[in-house]
Amino acid sequence: MKYSNVYLEAISYELGPVVVTSEEIEERLEPLYAQLHVSPGSLETLTGIIERRFWEPSHSLSGSAASAAKKALAKSGVPASALETVVYAGVCR
């Protein structure tokens, strides 16, 4: 194995401030739910997702990524100068 002393010291994250609940989505879809005879609460029951979080379209994700990195460094107690590799695992559409 090429890498034998690799591990995660800490992880962190940032959540988008715009919250949309499954209940709010179902309220918007109520006419369709009625036509299809889908009972309220089905979206959360079937997906297990209570809420979704987003940033505004103009938001720069790099700032949030940097904030999450600072949190992870604080949790780890490792100085930034000691890092050899940083892994960014964000998802954006």
PDB file of N, CA and C in Angstrom:
ATOM      1  N   MET A   1       0.846  -1.180   0.000  1.00  0.00           N
ATOM      2  CA  MET A   1       0.000   0.000   0.000  1.00  0.00           C
ATOM      3  C   MET A   1       0.891   1.243   0.000  1.00  0.00           C
ATOM      4  N   LYS A   2       0.551   2.191  -0.820  1.00  0.00           N
ATOM      5  CA  LYS A   2       1.377   3.385  -0.966  1.00  0.00           C
ATOM      6  C   LYS A   2       1.279   4.315   0.243  1.00  0.00           C
ATOM      7  N   TYR A   3       0.084   4.474   0.798  1.00  0.00           N
ATOM      8  CA  TYR A   3      -0.120   5.381   1.926  1.00  0.00           C
ATOM      9  C   TYR A   3      -0.502   4.569   3.150  1.00  0.00           C
ATOM     10  N   SER A   4       0.319   4.598   4.176  1.00  0.00           N
ATOM     11  CA  SER A   4       0.018   3.798   5.361  1.00  0.00           C
ATOM     12  C   SER A   4      -0.265   4.634   6.605  1.00  0.00           C
ATOM     13  N   ASN A   5       0.086   5.896   6.597  1.00  0.00           N
ATOM     14  CA  ASN A   5      -0.134   6.750   7.773  1.00  0.00           C
ATOM     15  C   ASN A   5      -1.102   7.880   7.448  1.00  0.00           C
ATOM     16  N   VAL A   6      -2.211   7.546   6.839  1.00  0.00           N
ATOM     17  CA  VAL A   6      -3.202   8.537   6.435  1.00  0.00           C
ATOM     18  C   VAL A   6      -4.457   8.347   7.267  1.00  0.00           C
ATOM     19  N   TYR A   7      -4.956   9.427   7.834  1.00  0.00           N
ATOM     20  CA  TYR A   7      -6.201   9.361   8.594  1.00  0.00           C
ATOM     21  C   TYR A   7      -6.844  10.736   8.646  1.00  0.00           C
ATOM     22  N   LEU A   8      -8.117  10.752   9.013  1.00  0.00           N
ATOM     23  CA  LEU A   8      -8.846  12.004   9.178  1.00  0.00           C
ATOM     24  C   LEU A   8      -8.745  12.425  10.633  1.00  0.00           C
ATOM     25  N   GLU A   9      -8.211  13.590  10.851  1.00  0.00           N
ATOM     26  CA  GLU A   9      -8.095  14.120  12.209  1.00  0.00           C
ATOM     27  C   GLU A   9      -9.405  14.793  12.616  1.00  0.00           C
ATOM     28  N   ALA A  10     -10.066  15.451  11.660  1.00  0.00           N
ATOM     29  CA  ALA A  10     -11.334  16.138  11.949  1.00  0.00           C
ATOM     30  C   ALA A  10     -12.054  16.414  10.637  1.00  0.00           C
ATOM     31  N   ILE A  11     -13.367  16.531  10.731  1.00  0.00           N
ATOM     32  CA  ILE A  11     -14.176  16.968   9.594  1.00  0.00           C
ATOM     33  C   ILE A  11     -15.109  18.062  10.086  1.00  0.00           C
ATOM     34  N   SER A  12     -15.610  18.847   9.161  1.00  0.00           N
ATOM     35  CA  SER A  12     -16.560  19.897   9.514  1.00  0.00           C
ATOM     36  C   SER A  12     -17.405  20.212   8.290  1.00  0.00           C
ATOM     37  N   TYR A  13     -18.388  21.074   8.469  1.00  0.00           N
ATOM     38  CA  TYR A  13     -19.300  21.389   7.373  1.00  0.00           C
ATOM     39  C   TYR A  13     -19.958  22.739   7.619  1.00  0.00           C
ATOM     40  N   GLU A  14     -20.571  23.256   6.596  1.00  0.00           N
ATOM     41  CA  GLU A  14     -21.386  24.466   6.656  1.00  0.00           C
ATOM     42  C   GLU A  14     -22.725  24.134   6.013  1.00  0.00           C
ATOM     43  N   LEU A  15     -23.796  24.606   6.602  1.00  0.00           N
ATOM     44  CA  LEU A  15     -25.132  24.384   6.048  1.00  0.00           C
ATOM     45  C   LEU A  15     -25.660  25.675   5.435  1.00  0.00           C
ATOM     46  N   GLY A  16     -26.322  25.547   4.300  1.00  0.00           N
ATOM     47  CA  GLY A  16     -26.937  26.706   3.670  1.00  0.00           C
ATOM     48  C   GLY A  16     -28.042  27.281   4.541  1.00  0.00           C
ATOM     49  N   PRO A  17     -28.236  28.587   4.508  1.00  0.00           N
ATOM     50  CA  PRO A  17     -29.218  29.235   5.368  1.00  0.00           C
ATOM     51  C   PRO A  17     -30.668  29.148   4.885  1.00  0.00           C
ATOM     52  N   VAL A  18     -30.874  28.833   3.615  1.00  0.00           N
ATOM     53  CA  VAL A  18     -32.234  28.751   3.074  1.00  0.00           C
ATOM     54  C   VAL A  18     -32.751  27.335   3.319  1.00  0.00           C
ATOM     55  N   VAL A  19     -33.809  27.221   4.123  1.00  0.00           N
ATOM     56  CA  VAL A  19     -34.357  25.917   4.503  1.00  0.00           C
ATOM     57  C   VAL A  19     -35.703  25.708   3.817  1.00  0.00           C
ATOM     58  N   VAL A  20     -35.864  24.564   3.169  1.00  0.00           N
ATOM     59  CA  VAL A  20     -37.144  24.181   2.567  1.00  0.00           C
ATOM     60  C   VAL A  20     -37.490  22.805   3.125  1.00  0.00           C
ATOM     61  N   THR A  21     -38.594  22.725   3.842  1.00  0.00           N
ATOM     62  CA  THR A  21     -38.988  21.457   4.452  1.00  0.00           C
ATOM     63  C   THR A  21     -39.788  20.603   3.466  1.00  0.00           C
ATOM     64  N   SER A  22     -39.836  19.327   3.748  1.00  0.00           N
ATOM     65  CA  SER A  22     -40.664  18.430   2.934  1.00  0.00           C
ATOM     66  C   SER A  22     -42.124  18.867   3.010  1.00  0.00           C
ATOM     67  N   GLU A  23     -42.532  19.335   4.178  1.00  0.00           N
ATOM     68  CA  GLU A  23     -43.909  19.805   4.349  1.00  0.00           C
ATOM     69  C   GLU A  23     -44.200  20.996   3.435  1.00  0.00           C
ATOM     70  N   GLU A  24     -43.246  21.930   3.314  1.00  0.00           N
ATOM     71  CA  GLU A  24     -43.441  23.086   2.431  1.00  0.00           C
ATOM     72  C   GLU A  24     -43.538  22.655   0.971  1.00  0.00           C
ATOM     73  N   ILE A  25     -42.733  21.689   0.582  1.00  0.00           N
ATOM     74  CA  ILE A  25     -42.797  21.182  -0.793  1.00  0.00           C
ATOM     75  C   ILE A  25     -44.154  20.537  -1.041  1.00  0.00           C
ATOM     76  N   GLU A  26     -44.625  19.771  -0.067  1.00  0.00           N
ATOM     77  CA  GLU A  26     -45.928  19.117  -0.224  1.00  0.00           C
ATOM     78  C   GLU A  26     -47.066  20.133  -0.301  1.00  0.00           C
ATOM     79  N   GLU A  27     -46.957  21.241   0.414  1.00  0.00           N
ATOM     80  CA  GLU A  27     -47.983  22.285   0.328  1.00  0.00           C
ATOM     81  C   GLU A  27     -48.057  22.825  -1.096  1.00  0.00           C
ATOM     82  N   ARG A  28     -46.899  23.000  -1.732  1.00  0.00           N
ATOM     83  CA  ARG A  28     -46.863  23.486  -3.116  1.00  0.00           C
ATOM     84  C   ARG A  28     -47.422  22.444  -4.091  1.00  0.00           C
ATOM     85  N   LEU A  29     -47.236  21.184  -3.747  1.00  0.00           N
ATOM     86  CA  LEU A  29     -47.685  20.095  -4.625  1.00  0.00           C
ATOM     87  C   LEU A  29     -49.087  19.589  -4.290  1.00  0.00           C
ATOM     88  N   GLU A  30     -49.772  20.247  -3.381  1.00  0.00           N
ATOM     89  CA  GLU A  30     -51.077  19.772  -2.901  1.00  0.00           C
ATOM     90  C   GLU A  30     -52.063  19.473  -4.023  1.00  0.00           C
ATOM     91  N   PRO A  31     -52.208  20.336  -5.043  1.00  0.00           N
ATOM     92  CA  PRO A  31     -53.151  19.999  -6.123  1.00  0.00           C
ATOM     93  C   PRO A  31     -52.779  18.689  -6.836  1.00  0.00           C
ATOM     94  N   LEU A  32     -51.497  18.481  -7.076  1.00  0.00           N
ATOM     95  CA  LEU A  32     -51.049  17.243  -7.714  1.00  0.00           C
ATOM     96  C   LEU A  32     -51.263  16.050  -6.790  1.00  0.00           C
ATOM     97  N   TYR A  33     -50.952  16.224  -5.502  1.00  0.00           N
ATOM     98  CA  TYR A  33     -51.165  15.149  -4.526  1.00  0.00           C
ATOM     99  C   TYR A  33     -52.636  14.733  -4.513  1.00  0.00           C
ATOM    100  N   ALA A  34     -53.534  15.708  -4.582  1.00  0.00           N
ATOM    101  CA  ALA A  34     -54.970  15.412  -4.568  1.00  0.00           C
ATOM    102  C   ALA A  34     -55.363  14.605  -5.806  1.00  0.00           C
ATOM    103  N   GLN A  35     -54.859  15.017  -6.973  1.00  0.00           N
ATOM    104  CA  GLN A  35     -55.167  14.299  -8.216  1.00  0.00           C
ATOM    105  C   GLN A  35     -54.658  12.863  -8.184  1.00  0.00           C
ATOM    106  N   LEU A  36     -53.496  12.666  -7.581  1.00  0.00           N
ATOM    107  CA  LEU A  36     -52.875  11.339  -7.561  1.00  0.00           C
ATOM    108  C   LEU A  36     -53.233  10.532  -6.316  1.00  0.00           C
ATOM    109  N   HIS A  37     -54.040  11.131  -5.447  1.00  0.00           N
ATOM    110  CA  HIS A  37     -54.447  10.482  -4.194  1.00  0.00           C
ATOM    111  C   HIS A  37     -53.241  10.106  -3.321  1.00  0.00           C
ATOM    112  N   VAL A  38     -52.294  11.038  -3.237  1.00  0.00           N
ATOM    113  CA  VAL A  38     -51.108  10.855  -2.390  1.00  0.00           C
ATOM    114  C   VAL A  38     -51.378  11.557  -1.069  1.00  0.00           C
ATOM    115  N   SER A  39     -51.177  10.861   0.017  1.00  0.00           N
ATOM    116  CA  SER A  39     -51.467  11.453   1.324  1.00  0.00           C
ATOM    117  C   SER A  39     -50.333  12.362   1.780  1.00  0.00           C
ATOM    118  N   PRO A  40     -50.687  13.450   2.485  1.00  0.00           N
ATOM    119  CA  PRO A  40     -49.668  14.353   3.024  1.00  0.00           C
ATOM    120  C   PRO A  40     -48.712  13.588   3.939  1.00  0.00           C
ATOM    121  N   GLY A  41     -47.451  13.974   3.901  1.00  0.00           N
ATOM    122  CA  GLY A  41     -46.440  13.309   4.718  1.00  0.00           C
ATOM    123  C   GLY A  41     -45.695  12.221   3.972  1.00  0.00           C
ATOM    124  N   SER A  42     -46.157  11.908   2.766  1.00  0.00           N
ATOM    125  CA  SER A  42     -45.537  10.828   1.989  1.00  0.00           C
ATOM    126  C   SER A  42     -44.095  11.144   1.591  1.00  0.00           C
ATOM    127  N   LEU A  43     -43.825  12.389   1.249  1.00  0.00           N
ATOM    128  CA  LEU A  43     -42.484  12.753   0.795  1.00  0.00           C
ATOM    129  C   LEU A  43     -41.445  12.466   1.881  1.00  0.00           C
ATOM    130  N   GLU A  44     -41.724  12.916   3.087  1.00  0.00           N
ATOM    131  CA  GLU A  44     -40.792  12.670   4.195  1.00  0.00           C
ATOM    132  C   GLU A  44     -40.728  11.187   4.553  1.00  0.00           C
ATOM    133  N   THR A  45     -41.876  10.532   4.551  1.00  0.00           N
ATOM    134  CA  THR A  45     -41.915   9.107   4.887  1.00  0.00           C
ATOM    135  C   THR A  45     -41.114   8.271   3.897  1.00  0.00           C
ATOM    136  N   LEU A  46     -41.261   8.562   2.614  1.00  0.00           N
ATOM    137  CA  LEU A  46     -40.589   7.763   1.588  1.00  0.00           C
ATOM    138  C   LEU A  46     -39.104   8.086   1.435  1.00  0.00           C
ATOM    139  N   THR A  47     -38.718   9.341   1.706  1.00  0.00           N
ATOM    140  CA  THR A  47     -37.319   9.736   1.496  1.00  0.00           C
ATOM    141  C   THR A  47     -36.520   9.820   2.786  1.00  0.00           C
ATOM    142  N   GLY A  48     -37.203  10.044   3.904  1.00  0.00           N
ATOM    143  CA  GLY A  48     -36.500  10.257   5.165  1.00  0.00           C
ATOM    144  C   GLY A  48     -35.909  11.652   5.276  1.00  0.00           C
ATOM    145  N   ILE A  49     -36.187  12.503   4.297  1.00  0.00           N
ATOM    146  CA  ILE A  49     -35.631  13.856   4.284  1.00  0.00           C
ATOM    147  C   ILE A  49     -36.641  14.821   4.892  1.00  0.00           C
ATOM    148  N   ILE A  50     -36.238  15.476   5.979  1.00  0.00           N
ATOM    149  CA  ILE A  50     -37.112  16.419   6.668  1.00  0.00           C
ATOM    150  C   ILE A  50     -36.992  17.810   6.058  1.00  0.00           C
ATOM    151  N   GLU A  51     -35.752  18.215   5.743  1.00  0.00           N
ATOM    152  CA  GLU A  51     -35.538  19.534   5.164  1.00  0.00           C
ATOM    153  C   GLU A  51     -34.346  19.510   4.221  1.00  0.00           C
ATOM    154  N   ARG A  52     -34.348  20.469   3.314  1.00  0.00           N
ATOM    155  CA  ARG A  52     -33.239  20.658   2.390  1.00  0.00           C
ATOM    156  C   ARG A  52     -32.693  22.049   2.647  1.00  0.00           C
ATOM    157  N   ARG A  53     -31.396  22.230   2.471  1.00  0.00           N
ATOM    158  CA  ARG A  53     -30.770  23.528   2.715  1.00  0.00           C
ATOM    159  C   ARG A  53     -30.037  23.987   1.463  1.00  0.00           C
ATOM    160  N   PHE A  54     -30.147  25.277   1.195  1.00  0.00           N
ATOM    161  CA  PHE A  54     -29.547  25.866   0.003  1.00  0.00           C
ATOM    162  C   PHE A  54     -28.889  27.191   0.355  1.00  0.00           C
ATOM    163  N   TRP A  55     -28.027  27.644  -0.538  1.00  0.00           N
ATOM    164  CA  TRP A  55     -27.522  29.009  -0.507  1.00  0.00           C
ATOM    165  C   TRP A  55     -28.183  29.746  -1.656  1.00  0.00           C
ATOM    166  N   GLU A  56     -28.196  31.057  -1.558  1.00  0.00           N
ATOM    167  CA  GLU A  56     -28.700  31.868  -2.662  1.00  0.00           C
ATOM    168  C   GLU A  56     -27.795  31.631  -3.875  1.00  0.00           C
ATOM    169  N   PRO A  57     -28.342  31.751  -5.095  1.00  0.00           N
ATOM    170  CA  PRO A  57     -27.536  31.489  -6.298  1.00  0.00           C
ATOM    171  C   PRO A  57     -26.266  32.340  -6.386  1.00  0.00           C
ATOM    172  N   SER A  58     -26.283  33.525  -5.822  1.00  0.00           N
ATOM    173  CA  SER A  58     -25.114  34.410  -5.904  1.00  0.00           C
ATOM    174  C   SER A  58     -24.039  34.074  -4.869  1.00  0.00           C
ATOM    175  N   HIS A  59     -24.329  33.154  -3.969  1.00  0.00           N
ATOM    176  CA  HIS A  59     -23.386  32.820  -2.894  1.00  0.00           C
ATOM    177  C   HIS A  59     -22.140  32.124  -3.436  1.00  0.00           C
ATOM    178  N   SER A  60     -20.989  32.496  -2.902  1.00  0.00           N
ATOM    179  CA  SER A  60     -19.724  31.859  -3.269  1.00  0.00           C
ATOM    180  C   SER A  60     -19.452  30.696  -2.324  1.00  0.00           C
ATOM    181  N   LEU A  61     -19.411  29.490  -2.853  1.00  0.00           N
ATOM    182  CA  LEU A  61     -19.194  28.312  -2.015  1.00  0.00           C
ATOM    183  C   LEU A  61     -17.789  28.254  -1.432  1.00  0.00           C
ATOM    184  N   SER A  62     -16.843  28.927  -2.049  1.00  0.00           N
ATOM    185  CA  SER A  62     -15.474  28.884  -1.537  1.00  0.00           C
ATOM    186  C   SER A  62     -15.386  29.492  -0.140  1.00  0.00           C
ATOM    187  N   GLY A  63     -16.173  30.511   0.138  1.00  0.00           N
ATOM    188  CA  GLY A  63     -16.185  31.108   1.477  1.00  0.00           C
ATOM    189  C   GLY A  63     -16.705  30.139   2.522  1.00  0.00           C
ATOM    190  N   SER A  64     -17.745  29.414   2.186  1.00  0.00           N
ATOM    191  CA  SER A  64     -18.294  28.417   3.111  1.00  0.00           C
ATOM    192  C   SER A  64     -17.324  27.251   3.286  1.00  0.00           C
ATOM    193  N   ALA A  65     -16.647  26.865   2.215  1.00  0.00           N
ATOM    194  CA  ALA A  65     -15.654  25.790   2.309  1.00  0.00           C
ATOM    195  C   ALA A  65     -14.502  26.211   3.214  1.00  0.00           C
ATOM    196  N   ALA A  66     -14.059  27.457   3.095  1.00  0.00           N
ATOM    197  CA  ALA A  66     -12.978  27.957   3.948  1.00  0.00           C
ATOM    198  C   ALA A  66     -13.413  27.997   5.406  1.00  0.00           C
ATOM    199  N   SER A  67     -14.658  28.387   5.643  1.00  0.00           N
ATOM    200  CA  SER A  67     -15.186  28.417   7.012  1.00  0.00           C
ATOM    201  C   SER A  67     -15.225  27.015   7.616  1.00  0.00           C
ATOM    202  N   ALA A  68     -15.657  26.044   6.833  1.00  0.00           N
ATOM    203  CA  ALA A  68     -15.687  24.656   7.309  1.00  0.00           C
ATOM    204  C   ALA A  68     -14.271  24.154   7.586  1.00  0.00           C
ATOM    205  N   ALA A  69     -13.331  24.528   6.740  1.00  0.00           N
ATOM    206  CA  ALA A  69     -11.937  24.116   6.947  1.00  0.00           C
ATOM    207  C   ALA A  69     -11.384  24.694   8.241  1.00  0.00           C
ATOM    208  N   LYS A  70     -11.694  25.958   8.519  1.00  0.00           N
ATOM    209  CA  LYS A  70     -11.237  26.585   9.766  1.00  0.00           C
ATOM    210  C   LYS A  70     -11.816  25.867  10.981  1.00  0.00           C
ATOM    211  N   LYS A  71     -13.083  25.474  10.893  1.00  0.00           N
ATOM    212  CA  LYS A  71     -13.709  24.728  11.994  1.00  0.00           C
ATOM    213  C   LYS A  71     -13.015  23.386  12.210  1.00  0.00           C
ATOM    214  N   ALA A  72     -12.729  22.689  11.116  1.00  0.00           N
ATOM    215  CA  ALA A  72     -12.066  21.385  11.222  1.00  0.00           C
ATOM    216  C   ALA A  72     -10.673  21.531  11.826  1.00  0.00           C
ATOM    217  N   LEU A  73      -9.950  22.563  11.419  1.00  0.00           N
ATOM    218  CA  LEU A  73      -8.620  22.794  11.989  1.00  0.00           C
ATOM    219  C   LEU A  73      -8.708  23.079  13.481  1.00  0.00           C
ATOM    220  N   ALA A  74      -9.685  23.880  13.877  1.00  0.00           N
ATOM    221  CA  ALA A  74      -9.851  24.196  15.302  1.00  0.00           C
ATOM    222  C   ALA A  74     -10.160  22.933  16.103  1.00  0.00           C
ATOM    223  N   LYS A  75     -11.000  22.058  15.543  1.00  0.00           N
ATOM    224  CA  LYS A  75     -11.339  20.801  16.229  1.00  0.00           C
ATOM    225  C   LYS A  75     -10.133  19.876  16.352  1.00  0.00           C
ATOM    226  N   SER A  76      -9.298  19.877  15.341  1.00  0.00           N
ATOM    227  CA  SER A  76      -8.186  18.925  15.298  1.00  0.00           C
ATOM    228  C   SER A  76      -7.008  19.337  16.165  1.00  0.00           C
ATOM    229  N   GLY A  77      -6.829  20.634  16.339  1.00  0.00           N
ATOM    230  CA  GLY A  77      -5.658  21.109  17.064  1.00  0.00           C
ATOM    231  C   GLY A  77      -4.390  21.057  16.226  1.00  0.00           C
ATOM    232  N   VAL A  78      -4.528  20.748  14.949  1.00  0.00           N
ATOM    233  CA  VAL A  78      -3.382  20.678  14.042  1.00  0.00           C
ATOM    234  C   VAL A  78      -3.222  22.040  13.365  1.00  0.00           C
ATOM    235  N   PRO A  79      -2.023  22.615  13.372  1.00  0.00           N
ATOM    236  CA  PRO A  79      -1.838  23.899  12.685  1.00  0.00           C
ATOM    237  C   PRO A  79      -1.920  23.716  11.166  1.00  0.00           C
ATOM    238  N   ALA A  80      -2.435  24.712  10.483  1.00  0.00           N
ATOM    239  CA  ALA A  80      -2.578  24.634   9.026  1.00  0.00           C
ATOM    240  C   ALA A  80      -1.239  24.358   8.351  1.00  0.00           C
ATOM    241  N   SER A  81      -0.160  24.849   8.917  1.00  0.00           N
ATOM    242  CA  SER A  81       1.166  24.651   8.321  1.00  0.00           C
ATOM    243  C   SER A  81       1.600  23.184   8.324  1.00  0.00           C
ATOM    244  N   ALA A  82       0.956  22.364   9.145  1.00  0.00           N
ATOM    245  CA  ALA A  82       1.311  20.938   9.222  1.00  0.00           C
ATOM    246  C   ALA A  82       0.562  20.087   8.198  1.00  0.00           C
ATOM    247  N   LEU A  83      -0.396  20.672   7.498  1.00  0.00           N
ATOM    248  CA  LEU A  83      -1.184  19.906   6.528  1.00  0.00           C
ATOM    249  C   LEU A  83      -0.389  19.641   5.257  1.00  0.00           C
ATOM    250  N   GLU A  84      -0.502  18.437   4.772  1.00  0.00           N
ATOM    251  CA  GLU A  84       0.096  18.102   3.483  1.00  0.00           C
ATOM    252  C   GLU A  84      -0.964  18.032   2.393  1.00  0.00           C
ATOM    253  N   THR A  85      -2.186  17.650   2.776  1.00  0.00           N
ATOM    254  CA  THR A  85      -3.269  17.506   1.807  1.00  0.00           C
ATOM    255  C   THR A  85      -4.583  17.935   2.439  1.00  0.00           C
ATOM    256  N   VAL A  86      -5.410  18.607   1.662  1.00  0.00           N
ATOM    257  CA  VAL A  86      -6.761  18.966   2.091  1.00  0.00           C
ATOM    258  C   VAL A  86      -7.715  18.391   1.055  1.00  0.00           C
ATOM    259  N   VAL A  87      -8.756  17.702   1.512  1.00  0.00           N
ATOM    260  CA  VAL A  87      -9.742  17.122   0.608  1.00  0.00           C
ATOM    261  C   VAL A  87     -11.031  17.921   0.733  1.00  0.00           C
ATOM    262  N   TYR A  88     -11.503  18.446  -0.378  1.00  0.00           N
ATOM    263  CA  TYR A  88     -12.780  19.158  -0.430  1.00  0.00           C
ATOM    264  C   TYR A  88     -13.797  18.219  -1.051  1.00  0.00           C
ATOM    265  N   ALA A  89     -14.915  18.022  -0.366  1.00  0.00           N
ATOM    266  CA  ALA A  89     -15.934  17.094  -0.858  1.00  0.00           C
ATOM    267  C   ALA A  89     -17.295  17.768  -0.889  1.00  0.00           C
ATOM    268  N   GLY A  90     -17.408  18.844  -1.633  1.00  0.00           N
ATOM    269  CA  GLY A  90     -18.660  19.577  -1.724  1.00  0.00           C
ATOM    270  C   GLY A  90     -19.512  19.084  -2.875  1.00  0.00           C
ATOM    271  N   VAL A  91     -20.795  19.372  -2.777  1.00  0.00           N
ATOM    272  CA  VAL A  91     -21.738  19.019  -3.828  1.00  0.00           C
ATOM    273  C   VAL A  91     -22.502  20.277  -4.193  1.00  0.00           C
ATOM    274  N   CYS A  92     -22.544  20.597  -5.463  1.00  0.00           N
ATOM    275  CA  CYS A  92     -23.235  21.805  -5.909  1.00  0.00           C
ATOM    276  C   CYS A  92     -23.831  21.553  -7.281  1.00  0.00           C
ATOM    277  N   ARG A  93     -25.044  22.046  -7.472  1.00  0.00           N
ATOM    278  CA  ARG A  93     -25.690  21.964  -8.780  1.00  0.00           C
ATOM    279  C   ARG A  93     -26.104  23.329  -9.205  1.00  0.00           C
TER     280      ARG A  93
END
